[in-house]
Amino acid sequence: MQKQALALTALALLAACTTNRFEADVTRFHMAQPGLRGSVYLEPLDKAAAGTLEFQNYASAVGAELTEHGFSVASAREGAEYVGVLAYGQTTREGVGGGSPITIGIGGGTFGKNVGVGLGTSFGIGEKKTKETAINMLALKIERASDKSVLWEGRAVAEAGSTTRYGPLAAAMPALADALLRDFPGTSGQTVTYKSQ
């Protein structure tokens, strides 16, 4: 009986670790020099989101990571050396398995037009809900303010159970920002998987 209890406890702990584990696939493209630094003004790709509490919270998470890499976050566009354009979103998938439905064009001037993020999943009345996977995305483009030339772009995509610790986009955002900017500027054209608890 005691062995069974210990086994069940171990399984519960293992499940908890799996549930709370964060893992993100990060892809970056850039022509940035290792010493890319300076003042950066953050703005949303969706101009309607500017000034919202949601954007301010997400920009704060990204700004904190940029600061660790030598940038200073500017409070106004005027006078900033760089502009950082943020895109973010969440989609859900029923069940387990399959690839991420999020596709983001990075490089070649495709940032923004090919950022497709679907929201929500619907269920019929009376049907039993299946397990949902939340797919969270954060993308950032850094361009020179003077001529709008793109110096660095990247995106981080992470999956988690929709009801787990990293399921809500707001809860996952600090970890997404950390993964996106870890080892900045990173290797151009390479996808790296970052894990954290």
N, C-alpha and C. Protein backbone atom coordinates (compact mmCIF):
# COMPACT_ATOMS: atom_id res chain seq x y z
N MET A 1 0.83 -1.20 0.00
CA MET A 1 0.00 0.00 0.00
C MET A 1 0.87 1.25 0.00
N GLN A 2 1.93 1.24 0.82
CA GLN A 2 2.81 2.41 0.91
C GLN A 2 3.55 2.63 -0.40
N LYS A 3 3.94 1.52 -1.06
CA LYS A 3 4.64 1.64 -2.35
C LYS A 3 3.72 2.24 -3.40
N GLN A 4 2.45 1.83 -3.37
CA GLN A 4 1.49 2.37 -4.32
C GLN A 4 1.28 3.87 -4.10
N ALA A 5 1.22 4.26 -2.84
CA ALA A 5 1.04 5.67 -2.51
C ALA A 5 2.23 6.49 -3.00
N LEU A 6 3.44 5.95 -2.79
CA LEU A 6 4.65 6.64 -3.24
C LEU A 6 4.68 6.76 -4.76
N ALA A 7 4.25 5.69 -5.43
CA ALA A 7 4.23 5.69 -6.89
C ALA A 7 3.24 6.74 -7.41
N LEU A 8 2.08 6.81 -6.78
CA LEU A 8 1.07 7.80 -7.18
C LEU A 8 1.56 9.22 -6.94
N THR A 9 2.26 9.40 -5.81
CA THR A 9 2.82 10.72 -5.50
C THR A 9 3.86 11.13 -6.55
N ALA A 10 4.71 10.18 -6.92
CA ALA A 10 5.74 10.44 -7.93
C ALA A 10 5.11 10.80 -9.27
N LEU A 11 4.04 10.08 -9.64
CA LEU A 11 3.36 10.37 -10.90
C LEU A 11 2.71 11.76 -10.87
N ALA A 12 2.15 12.10 -9.72
CA ALA A 12 1.52 13.42 -9.59
C ALA A 12 2.55 14.53 -9.71
N LEU A 13 3.72 14.33 -9.09
CA LEU A 13 4.79 15.32 -9.18
C LEU A 13 5.29 15.45 -10.61
N LEU A 14 5.41 14.31 -11.29
CA LEU A 14 5.86 14.31 -12.68
C LEU A 14 4.86 15.05 -13.56
N ALA A 15 3.59 14.80 -13.33
CA ALA A 15 2.54 15.48 -14.10
C ALA A 15 2.58 16.98 -13.85
N ALA A 16 2.81 17.36 -12.61
CA ALA A 16 2.87 18.79 -12.27
C ALA A 16 4.03 19.46 -12.97
N CYS A 17 5.18 18.77 -13.01
CA CYS A 17 6.35 19.33 -13.68
C CYS A 17 6.09 19.51 -15.17
N THR A 18 5.45 18.49 -15.77
CA THR A 18 5.15 18.55 -17.18
C THR A 18 4.17 19.67 -17.48
N THR A 19 3.18 19.82 -16.61
CA THR A 19 2.16 20.84 -16.80
C THR A 19 2.76 22.24 -16.74
N ASN A 20 3.72 22.45 -15.86
CA ASN A 20 4.26 23.78 -15.63
C ASN A 20 5.54 24.07 -16.41
N ARG A 21 5.94 23.15 -17.25
CA ARG A 21 7.17 23.36 -18.02
C ARG A 21 6.89 24.28 -19.21
N PHE A 22 7.84 25.18 -19.48
CA PHE A 22 7.71 26.09 -20.61
C PHE A 22 8.75 25.72 -21.67
N GLU A 23 8.31 25.68 -22.91
CA GLU A 23 9.21 25.36 -24.02
C GLU A 23 8.78 26.19 -25.22
N ALA A 24 9.71 26.92 -25.82
CA ALA A 24 9.38 27.78 -26.95
C ALA A 24 10.37 27.56 -28.09
N ASP A 25 9.83 27.56 -29.30
CA ASP A 25 10.66 27.51 -30.51
C ASP A 25 10.88 28.94 -30.97
N VAL A 26 12.14 29.33 -31.07
CA VAL A 26 12.49 30.72 -31.40
C VAL A 26 13.29 30.75 -32.70
N THR A 27 12.83 31.59 -33.62
CA THR A 27 13.52 31.79 -34.90
C THR A 27 13.84 33.27 -35.05
N ARG A 28 15.07 33.56 -35.47
CA ARG A 28 15.49 34.96 -35.62
C ARG A 28 16.21 35.15 -36.95
N PHE A 29 16.03 36.34 -37.52
CA PHE A 29 16.73 36.74 -38.73
C PHE A 29 17.28 38.14 -38.49
N HIS A 30 18.51 38.37 -38.88
CA HIS A 30 19.07 39.71 -38.66
C HIS A 30 20.34 39.93 -39.45
N MET A 31 20.66 41.19 -39.54
CA MET A 31 21.95 41.63 -40.08
C MET A 31 22.64 42.44 -38.99
N ALA A 32 22.19 42.19 -37.76
CA ALA A 32 22.65 43.00 -36.64
C ALA A 32 24.08 42.65 -36.24
N GLN A 33 24.81 43.66 -35.88
CA GLN A 33 26.13 43.47 -35.31
C GLN A 33 25.95 43.06 -33.85
N PRO A 34 26.90 42.29 -33.30
CA PRO A 34 26.78 41.87 -31.90
C PRO A 34 26.60 43.04 -30.95
N GLY A 35 27.09 44.23 -31.31
CA GLY A 35 27.01 45.39 -30.42
C GLY A 35 25.78 46.25 -30.61
N LEU A 36 24.72 45.71 -31.25
CA LEU A 36 23.50 46.50 -31.48
C LEU A 36 22.91 46.91 -30.14
N ARG A 37 22.89 48.21 -29.89
CA ARG A 37 22.39 48.77 -28.63
C ARG A 37 21.82 50.14 -28.92
N GLY A 38 21.10 50.71 -27.97
CA GLY A 38 20.60 52.06 -28.12
C GLY A 38 19.21 52.20 -27.57
N SER A 39 18.59 53.34 -27.81
CA SER A 39 17.23 53.58 -27.33
C SER A 39 16.22 53.01 -28.31
N VAL A 40 15.20 52.35 -27.80
CA VAL A 40 14.20 51.72 -28.65
C VAL A 40 12.80 52.07 -28.15
N TYR A 41 11.95 52.43 -29.07
CA TYR A 41 10.55 52.73 -28.76
C TYR A 41 9.71 51.54 -29.21
N LEU A 42 8.89 51.01 -28.31
CA LEU A 42 8.08 49.84 -28.63
C LEU A 42 6.67 50.24 -29.01
N GLU A 43 6.18 49.67 -30.11
CA GLU A 43 4.82 49.93 -30.56
C GLU A 43 4.20 48.65 -31.09
N PRO A 44 2.86 48.54 -31.07
CA PRO A 44 2.22 47.31 -31.55
C PRO A 44 2.08 47.31 -33.06
N LEU A 45 2.12 46.12 -33.65
CA LEU A 45 1.86 45.99 -35.08
C LEU A 45 0.43 46.43 -35.38
N ASP A 46 -0.50 46.04 -34.52
CA ASP A 46 -1.88 46.47 -34.61
C ASP A 46 -2.01 47.83 -33.94
N LYS A 47 -2.09 48.88 -34.73
CA LYS A 47 -2.09 50.24 -34.18
C LYS A 47 -3.24 50.47 -33.20
N ALA A 48 -4.34 49.72 -33.36
CA ALA A 48 -5.49 49.87 -32.46
C ALA A 48 -5.16 49.44 -31.04
N ALA A 49 -4.10 48.64 -30.88
CA ALA A 49 -3.73 48.15 -29.55
C ALA A 49 -2.88 49.15 -28.78
N ALA A 50 -2.39 50.18 -29.46
CA ALA A 50 -1.54 51.17 -28.79
C ALA A 50 -2.30 51.81 -27.63
N GLY A 51 -1.65 51.90 -26.50
CA GLY A 51 -2.26 52.51 -25.33
C GLY A 51 -3.10 51.59 -24.48
N THR A 52 -3.36 50.36 -24.96
CA THR A 52 -4.16 49.44 -24.16
C THR A 52 -3.32 48.85 -23.04
N LEU A 53 -3.99 48.45 -21.98
CA LEU A 53 -3.29 47.85 -20.84
C LEU A 53 -2.59 46.57 -21.26
N GLU A 54 -3.24 45.79 -22.13
CA GLU A 54 -2.64 44.54 -22.60
C GLU A 54 -1.31 44.81 -23.28
N PHE A 55 -1.30 45.76 -24.23
CA PHE A 55 -0.05 46.05 -24.92
C PHE A 55 1.01 46.58 -23.97
N GLN A 56 0.61 47.45 -23.05
CA GLN A 56 1.56 48.01 -22.10
C GLN A 56 2.22 46.91 -21.27
N ASN A 57 1.44 45.92 -20.86
CA ASN A 57 1.99 44.81 -20.08
C ASN A 57 2.96 43.98 -20.91
N TYR A 58 2.59 43.70 -22.15
CA TYR A 58 3.46 42.89 -23.01
C TYR A 58 4.72 43.66 -23.39
N ALA A 59 4.57 44.96 -23.67
CA ALA A 59 5.73 45.79 -24.01
C ALA A 59 6.67 45.88 -22.81
N SER A 60 6.12 45.89 -21.61
CA SER A 60 6.94 45.94 -20.40
C SER A 60 7.80 44.69 -20.27
N ALA A 61 7.21 43.52 -20.59
CA ALA A 61 7.96 42.26 -20.52
C ALA A 61 9.09 42.25 -21.55
N VAL A 62 8.79 42.70 -22.76
CA VAL A 62 9.81 42.74 -23.81
C VAL A 62 10.86 43.80 -23.49
N GLY A 63 10.41 44.95 -23.00
CA GLY A 63 11.34 46.02 -22.65
C GLY A 63 12.32 45.61 -21.57
N ALA A 64 11.86 44.83 -20.60
CA ALA A 64 12.74 44.36 -19.53
C ALA A 64 13.85 43.48 -20.09
N GLU A 65 13.50 42.63 -21.07
CA GLU A 65 14.52 41.77 -21.68
C GLU A 65 15.48 42.58 -22.55
N LEU A 66 14.96 43.56 -23.29
CA LEU A 66 15.82 44.40 -24.12
C LEU A 66 16.80 45.18 -23.25
N THR A 67 16.33 45.64 -22.11
CA THR A 67 17.19 46.39 -21.18
C THR A 67 18.36 45.54 -20.72
N GLU A 68 18.11 44.26 -20.50
CA GLU A 68 19.19 43.35 -20.08
C GLU A 68 20.25 43.20 -21.16
N HIS A 69 19.88 43.51 -22.40
CA HIS A 69 20.84 43.38 -23.51
C HIS A 69 21.38 44.73 -23.95
N GLY A 70 21.28 45.73 -23.09
CA GLY A 70 21.92 47.00 -23.35
C GLY A 70 21.07 48.07 -24.01
N PHE A 71 19.81 47.77 -24.27
CA PHE A 71 18.93 48.79 -24.84
C PHE A 71 18.33 49.63 -23.71
N SER A 72 17.86 50.81 -24.07
CA SER A 72 17.06 51.61 -23.14
C SER A 72 15.72 51.84 -23.82
N VAL A 73 14.64 51.64 -23.09
CA VAL A 73 13.30 51.77 -23.66
C VAL A 73 12.88 53.23 -23.62
N ALA A 74 12.58 53.80 -24.80
CA ALA A 74 12.19 55.20 -24.91
C ALA A 74 10.69 55.34 -24.68
N SER A 75 10.29 56.44 -24.08
CA SER A 75 8.88 56.67 -23.79
C SER A 75 8.16 57.32 -24.98
N ALA A 76 8.93 57.80 -25.96
CA ALA A 76 8.34 58.42 -27.15
C ALA A 76 9.13 58.01 -28.38
N ARG A 77 8.44 58.01 -29.52
CA ARG A 77 9.09 57.64 -30.78
C ARG A 77 10.16 58.66 -31.17
N GLU A 78 9.83 59.93 -30.97
CA GLU A 78 10.77 61.00 -31.31
C GLU A 78 12.06 60.88 -30.49
N GLY A 79 13.17 60.85 -31.17
CA GLY A 79 14.45 60.78 -30.49
C GLY A 79 14.97 59.37 -30.27
N ALA A 80 14.12 58.36 -30.45
CA ALA A 80 14.58 56.97 -30.28
C ALA A 80 15.41 56.54 -31.48
N GLU A 81 16.47 55.79 -31.23
CA GLU A 81 17.33 55.31 -32.32
C GLU A 81 16.66 54.19 -33.10
N TYR A 82 15.86 53.37 -32.39
CA TYR A 82 15.21 52.23 -33.02
C TYR A 82 13.73 52.18 -32.66
N VAL A 83 12.97 51.49 -33.50
CA VAL A 83 11.57 51.22 -33.21
C VAL A 83 11.40 49.71 -33.18
N GLY A 84 10.81 49.23 -32.10
CA GLY A 84 10.53 47.80 -31.97
C GLY A 84 9.04 47.56 -32.17
N VAL A 85 8.67 46.79 -33.19
CA VAL A 85 7.27 46.52 -33.50
C VAL A 85 6.90 45.15 -32.96
N LEU A 86 5.89 45.12 -32.11
CA LEU A 86 5.47 43.87 -31.45
C LEU A 86 4.19 43.32 -32.07
N ALA A 87 4.18 42.01 -32.28
CA ALA A 87 2.97 41.28 -32.67
C ALA A 87 2.83 40.11 -31.71
N TYR A 88 1.61 39.81 -31.32
CA TYR A 88 1.39 38.72 -30.38
C TYR A 88 -0.02 38.18 -30.56
N GLY A 89 -0.23 36.96 -30.09
CA GLY A 89 -1.57 36.38 -30.21
C GLY A 89 -1.60 34.96 -29.72
N GLN A 90 -2.79 34.40 -29.73
CA GLN A 90 -2.98 33.02 -29.28
C GLN A 90 -4.02 32.33 -30.14
N THR A 91 -3.79 31.08 -30.40
CA THR A 91 -4.79 30.23 -31.02
C THR A 91 -4.86 28.95 -30.20
N THR A 92 -5.91 28.17 -30.36
CA THR A 92 -6.03 26.92 -29.61
C THR A 92 -6.26 25.77 -30.57
N ARG A 93 -5.88 24.58 -30.11
CA ARG A 93 -6.06 23.37 -30.89
C ARG A 93 -6.63 22.31 -29.99
N GLU A 94 -7.62 21.58 -30.48
CA GLU A 94 -8.19 20.49 -29.70
C GLU A 94 -7.29 19.27 -29.76
N GLY A 95 -7.30 18.50 -28.67
CA GLY A 95 -6.57 17.25 -28.65
C GLY A 95 -5.07 17.46 -28.56
N VAL A 96 -4.32 16.42 -28.90
CA VAL A 96 -2.86 16.44 -28.79
C VAL A 96 -2.28 16.10 -30.15
N GLY A 97 -1.13 16.73 -30.46
CA GLY A 97 -0.43 16.40 -31.69
C GLY A 97 -0.70 17.43 -32.77
N GLY A 98 0.03 17.30 -33.88
CA GLY A 98 -0.12 18.24 -34.98
C GLY A 98 0.82 19.41 -34.83
N GLY A 99 1.04 20.12 -35.93
CA GLY A 99 1.95 21.25 -35.89
C GLY A 99 1.25 22.54 -35.54
N SER A 100 2.03 23.54 -35.28
CA SER A 100 1.49 24.85 -34.93
C SER A 100 0.82 25.48 -36.14
N PRO A 101 -0.42 26.01 -35.97
CA PRO A 101 -1.09 26.66 -37.09
C PRO A 101 -0.63 28.08 -37.32
N ILE A 102 0.28 28.57 -36.48
CA ILE A 102 0.75 29.95 -36.61
C ILE A 102 1.89 30.01 -37.60
N THR A 103 1.76 30.86 -38.61
CA THR A 103 2.85 31.08 -39.55
C THR A 103 3.16 32.56 -39.57
N ILE A 104 4.43 32.87 -39.47
CA ILE A 104 4.85 34.26 -39.43
C ILE A 104 5.94 34.45 -40.46
N GLY A 105 5.73 35.40 -41.37
CA GLY A 105 6.75 35.70 -42.36
C GLY A 105 7.80 36.58 -41.73
N ILE A 106 9.05 36.14 -41.76
CA ILE A 106 10.13 36.94 -41.19
C ILE A 106 11.20 37.11 -42.26
N GLY A 107 11.62 38.34 -42.48
CA GLY A 107 12.62 38.61 -43.49
C GLY A 107 11.95 38.99 -44.81
N GLY A 108 12.69 39.69 -45.65
CA GLY A 108 12.17 40.05 -46.95
C GLY A 108 10.98 40.99 -46.91
N GLY A 109 10.82 41.69 -45.82
CA GLY A 109 9.74 42.67 -45.73
C GLY A 109 8.37 42.07 -45.55
N THR A 110 8.28 40.81 -45.09
CA THR A 110 6.98 40.16 -44.97
C THR A 110 6.41 40.27 -43.57
N PHE A 111 7.12 40.90 -42.65
CA PHE A 111 6.62 41.02 -41.28
C PHE A 111 5.31 41.77 -41.28
N GLY A 112 4.33 41.22 -40.62
CA GLY A 112 3.05 41.90 -40.49
C GLY A 112 2.01 41.35 -41.44
N LYS A 113 2.26 41.35 -42.73
CA LYS A 113 1.25 40.89 -43.67
C LYS A 113 0.96 39.40 -43.51
N ASN A 114 1.97 38.65 -43.11
CA ASN A 114 1.77 37.20 -42.98
C ASN A 114 1.65 36.75 -41.54
N VAL A 115 1.38 37.67 -40.64
CA VAL A 115 1.18 37.28 -39.25
C VAL A 115 -0.28 36.89 -39.09
N GLY A 116 -0.55 35.59 -39.05
CA GLY A 116 -1.93 35.12 -38.94
C GLY A 116 -2.14 34.42 -37.62
N VAL A 117 -2.97 34.95 -36.79
CA VAL A 117 -3.22 34.34 -35.49
C VAL A 117 -4.72 34.18 -35.31
N GLY A 118 -5.19 32.95 -35.25
CA GLY A 118 -6.62 32.70 -35.04
C GLY A 118 -6.93 32.67 -33.55
N LEU A 119 -8.12 33.03 -33.19
CA LEU A 119 -8.50 33.06 -31.80
C LEU A 119 -9.68 32.14 -31.54
N GLY A 120 -9.56 31.32 -30.50
CA GLY A 120 -10.70 30.57 -30.00
C GLY A 120 -10.99 29.27 -30.71
N THR A 121 -11.78 28.45 -30.06
CA THR A 121 -12.26 27.19 -30.58
C THR A 121 -13.69 27.04 -30.11
N SER A 122 -14.59 26.59 -30.98
CA SER A 122 -16.00 26.47 -30.59
C SER A 122 -16.38 25.02 -30.36
N PHE A 123 -17.33 24.80 -29.48
CA PHE A 123 -17.81 23.46 -29.16
C PHE A 123 -19.32 23.43 -29.30
N GLY A 124 -19.88 22.31 -29.78
CA GLY A 124 -21.32 22.16 -29.90
C GLY A 124 -21.95 21.95 -28.53
N ILE A 125 -23.19 22.37 -28.39
CA ILE A 125 -23.90 22.21 -27.13
C ILE A 125 -24.08 20.73 -26.84
N GLY A 126 -23.78 20.34 -25.62
CA GLY A 126 -23.96 18.95 -25.22
C GLY A 126 -22.76 18.08 -25.51
N GLU A 127 -21.80 18.60 -26.29
CA GLU A 127 -20.61 17.80 -26.58
C GLU A 127 -19.62 17.89 -25.43
N LYS A 128 -18.88 16.83 -25.25
CA LYS A 128 -17.85 16.82 -24.21
C LYS A 128 -16.62 17.54 -24.74
N LYS A 129 -16.11 18.50 -23.96
CA LYS A 129 -14.94 19.25 -24.39
C LYS A 129 -13.70 18.35 -24.41
N THR A 130 -12.93 18.47 -25.48
CA THR A 130 -11.67 17.74 -25.55
C THR A 130 -10.58 18.62 -24.95
N LYS A 131 -9.43 18.01 -24.72
CA LYS A 131 -8.31 18.75 -24.15
C LYS A 131 -7.82 19.78 -25.15
N GLU A 132 -7.65 21.00 -24.71
CA GLU A 132 -7.21 22.08 -25.58
C GLU A 132 -5.75 22.41 -25.36
N THR A 133 -5.06 22.70 -26.45
CA THR A 133 -3.68 23.19 -26.38
C THR A 133 -3.68 24.65 -26.81
N ALA A 134 -3.11 25.50 -25.99
CA ALA A 134 -2.97 26.91 -26.33
C ALA A 134 -1.63 27.10 -27.04
N ILE A 135 -1.64 27.82 -28.14
CA ILE A 135 -0.43 28.12 -28.89
C ILE A 135 -0.23 29.63 -28.84
N ASN A 136 0.78 30.05 -28.09
CA ASN A 136 1.04 31.46 -27.87
C ASN A 136 2.21 31.94 -28.72
N MET A 137 2.12 33.15 -29.23
CA MET A 137 3.14 33.68 -30.13
C MET A 137 3.52 35.11 -29.76
N LEU A 138 4.79 35.39 -29.88
CA LEU A 138 5.31 36.75 -29.72
C LEU A 138 6.32 36.99 -30.82
N ALA A 139 6.18 38.09 -31.54
CA ALA A 139 7.14 38.45 -32.59
C ALA A 139 7.59 39.88 -32.38
N LEU A 140 8.83 40.15 -32.74
CA LEU A 140 9.41 41.48 -32.58
C LEU A 140 10.27 41.80 -33.80
N LYS A 141 10.10 43.02 -34.31
CA LYS A 141 10.95 43.53 -35.39
C LYS A 141 11.61 44.81 -34.89
N ILE A 142 12.93 44.88 -35.01
CA ILE A 142 13.66 46.09 -34.62
C ILE A 142 14.15 46.77 -35.89
N GLU A 143 13.73 48.03 -36.09
CA GLU A 143 14.15 48.77 -37.27
C GLU A 143 14.79 50.08 -36.86
N ARG A 144 15.68 50.57 -37.71
CA ARG A 144 16.32 51.86 -37.44
C ARG A 144 15.29 52.96 -37.66
N ALA A 145 15.15 53.84 -36.69
CA ALA A 145 14.12 54.88 -36.75
C ALA A 145 14.35 55.84 -37.91
N SER A 146 15.59 56.11 -38.25
CA SER A 146 15.91 57.12 -39.26
C SER A 146 15.49 56.72 -40.67
N ASP A 147 15.65 55.43 -41.01
CA ASP A 147 15.34 55.01 -42.39
C ASP A 147 14.45 53.76 -42.46
N LYS A 148 13.98 53.28 -41.30
CA LYS A 148 13.08 52.12 -41.22
C LYS A 148 13.70 50.82 -41.75
N SER A 149 15.03 50.78 -41.84
CA SER A 149 15.68 49.54 -42.27
C SER A 149 15.60 48.52 -41.14
N VAL A 150 15.23 47.29 -41.48
CA VAL A 150 15.05 46.24 -40.48
C VAL A 150 16.41 45.65 -40.12
N LEU A 151 16.72 45.67 -38.83
CA LEU A 151 18.00 45.15 -38.37
C LEU A 151 17.89 43.78 -37.73
N TRP A 152 16.71 43.50 -37.15
CA TRP A 152 16.54 42.23 -36.42
C TRP A 152 15.06 41.88 -36.37
N GLU A 153 14.73 40.61 -36.59
CA GLU A 153 13.35 40.15 -36.43
C GLU A 153 13.38 38.76 -35.81
N GLY A 154 12.38 38.48 -35.01
CA GLY A 154 12.31 37.16 -34.41
C GLY A 154 10.90 36.83 -33.96
N ARG A 155 10.66 35.55 -33.75
CA ARG A 155 9.37 35.13 -33.22
C ARG A 155 9.57 33.91 -32.33
N ALA A 156 8.75 33.86 -31.28
CA ALA A 156 8.77 32.74 -30.34
C ALA A 156 7.36 32.15 -30.30
N VAL A 157 7.28 30.83 -30.40
CA VAL A 157 6.00 30.13 -30.35
C VAL A 157 6.08 29.05 -29.29
N ALA A 158 5.10 29.01 -28.41
CA ALA A 158 5.09 28.02 -27.33
C ALA A 158 3.71 27.40 -27.20
N GLU A 159 3.67 26.10 -26.89
CA GLU A 159 2.42 25.39 -26.68
C GLU A 159 2.29 24.98 -25.22
N ALA A 160 1.06 25.00 -24.73
CA ALA A 160 0.80 24.58 -23.35
C ALA A 160 -0.68 24.23 -23.25
N GLY A 161 -1.01 23.40 -22.29
CA GLY A 161 -2.42 23.13 -22.03
C GLY A 161 -3.12 24.43 -21.71
N SER A 162 -4.30 24.64 -22.28
CA SER A 162 -4.96 25.93 -22.15
C SER A 162 -5.29 26.29 -20.71
N THR A 163 -5.39 25.28 -19.82
CA THR A 163 -5.72 25.57 -18.42
C THR A 163 -4.50 25.45 -17.51
N THR A 164 -3.31 25.30 -18.09
CA THR A 164 -2.10 25.16 -17.29
C THR A 164 -1.46 26.53 -17.04
N ARG A 165 -0.38 26.53 -16.32
CA ARG A 165 0.31 27.77 -15.92
C ARG A 165 0.62 28.68 -17.10
N TYR A 166 1.13 28.11 -18.19
CA TYR A 166 1.53 28.92 -19.33
C TYR A 166 0.49 28.92 -20.45
N GLY A 167 -0.72 28.49 -20.14
CA GLY A 167 -1.78 28.49 -21.14
C GLY A 167 -2.24 29.88 -21.53
N PRO A 168 -2.59 30.74 -20.57
CA PRO A 168 -3.02 32.11 -20.92
C PRO A 168 -1.86 32.90 -21.52
N LEU A 169 -2.16 33.68 -22.55
CA LEU A 169 -1.10 34.45 -23.21
C LEU A 169 -0.42 35.41 -22.24
N ALA A 170 -1.20 36.05 -21.39
CA ALA A 170 -0.62 37.00 -20.43
C ALA A 170 0.36 36.32 -19.49
N ALA A 171 0.04 35.09 -19.07
CA ALA A 171 0.92 34.35 -18.16
C ALA A 171 2.18 33.87 -18.88
N ALA A 172 2.06 33.58 -20.17
CA ALA A 172 3.20 33.06 -20.93
C ALA A 172 4.12 34.17 -21.43
N MET A 173 3.62 35.42 -21.47
CA MET A 173 4.37 36.50 -22.11
C MET A 173 5.77 36.73 -21.53
N PRO A 174 5.96 36.80 -20.20
CA PRO A 174 7.34 37.00 -19.71
C PRO A 174 8.30 35.89 -20.16
N ALA A 175 7.82 34.65 -20.19
CA ALA A 175 8.67 33.54 -20.63
C ALA A 175 8.91 33.62 -22.14
N LEU A 176 7.90 34.03 -22.91
CA LEU A 176 8.07 34.20 -24.35
C LEU A 176 9.10 35.29 -24.64
N ALA A 177 9.01 36.39 -23.91
CA ALA A 177 9.96 37.50 -24.10
C ALA A 177 11.38 37.07 -23.76
N ASP A 178 11.50 36.31 -22.67
CA ASP A 178 12.82 35.81 -22.26
C ASP A 178 13.40 34.90 -23.33
N ALA A 179 12.59 33.98 -23.86
CA ALA A 179 13.07 33.05 -24.88
C ALA A 179 13.42 33.79 -26.17
N LEU A 180 12.56 34.73 -26.58
CA LEU A 180 12.77 35.45 -27.83
C LEU A 180 14.09 36.21 -27.84
N LEU A 181 14.45 36.80 -26.70
CA LEU A 181 15.64 37.65 -26.66
C LEU A 181 16.83 37.01 -25.96
N ARG A 182 16.69 35.76 -25.59
CA ARG A 182 17.82 35.07 -24.97
C ARG A 182 18.95 34.93 -25.99
N ASP A 183 20.17 35.11 -25.56
CA ASP A 183 21.35 35.01 -26.44
C ASP A 183 21.30 36.03 -27.58
N PHE A 184 20.65 37.17 -27.35
CA PHE A 184 20.52 38.20 -28.38
C PHE A 184 21.87 38.59 -28.98
N PRO A 185 22.00 38.74 -30.30
CA PRO A 185 20.95 38.67 -31.30
C PRO A 185 20.60 37.26 -31.75
N GLY A 186 21.37 36.27 -31.32
CA GLY A 186 21.09 34.88 -31.72
C GLY A 186 21.63 34.58 -33.11
N THR A 187 21.55 33.31 -33.48
CA THR A 187 22.03 32.89 -34.80
C THR A 187 20.93 33.14 -35.83
N SER A 188 21.26 33.88 -36.87
CA SER A 188 20.26 34.22 -37.89
C SER A 188 19.86 33.00 -38.70
N GLY A 189 18.55 32.85 -38.89
CA GLY A 189 18.02 31.77 -39.72
C GLY A 189 17.91 30.42 -39.05
N GLN A 190 18.19 30.35 -37.78
CA GLN A 190 18.16 29.07 -37.06
C GLN A 190 17.04 29.07 -36.03
N THR A 191 16.33 27.95 -35.93
CA THR A 191 15.29 27.80 -34.91
C THR A 191 15.89 27.07 -33.71
N VAL A 192 15.72 27.67 -32.55
CA VAL A 192 16.28 27.13 -31.30
C VAL A 192 15.13 26.91 -30.32
N THR A 193 15.17 25.80 -29.61
CA THR A 193 14.16 25.51 -28.60
C THR A 193 14.72 25.86 -27.23
N TYR A 194 14.02 26.73 -26.52
CA TYR A 194 14.42 27.12 -25.17
C TYR A 194 13.43 26.54 -24.17
N LYS A 195 13.95 26.04 -23.08
CA LYS A 195 13.12 25.47 -22.04
C LYS A 195 13.38 26.18 -20.71
N SER A 196 12.34 26.28 -19.93
CA SER A 196 12.48 26.84 -18.58
C SER A 196 11.33 26.34 -17.75
N GLN A 197 11.43 26.52 -16.43
CA GLN A 197 10.37 26.10 -15.51
C GLN A 197 9.51 27.29 -15.17
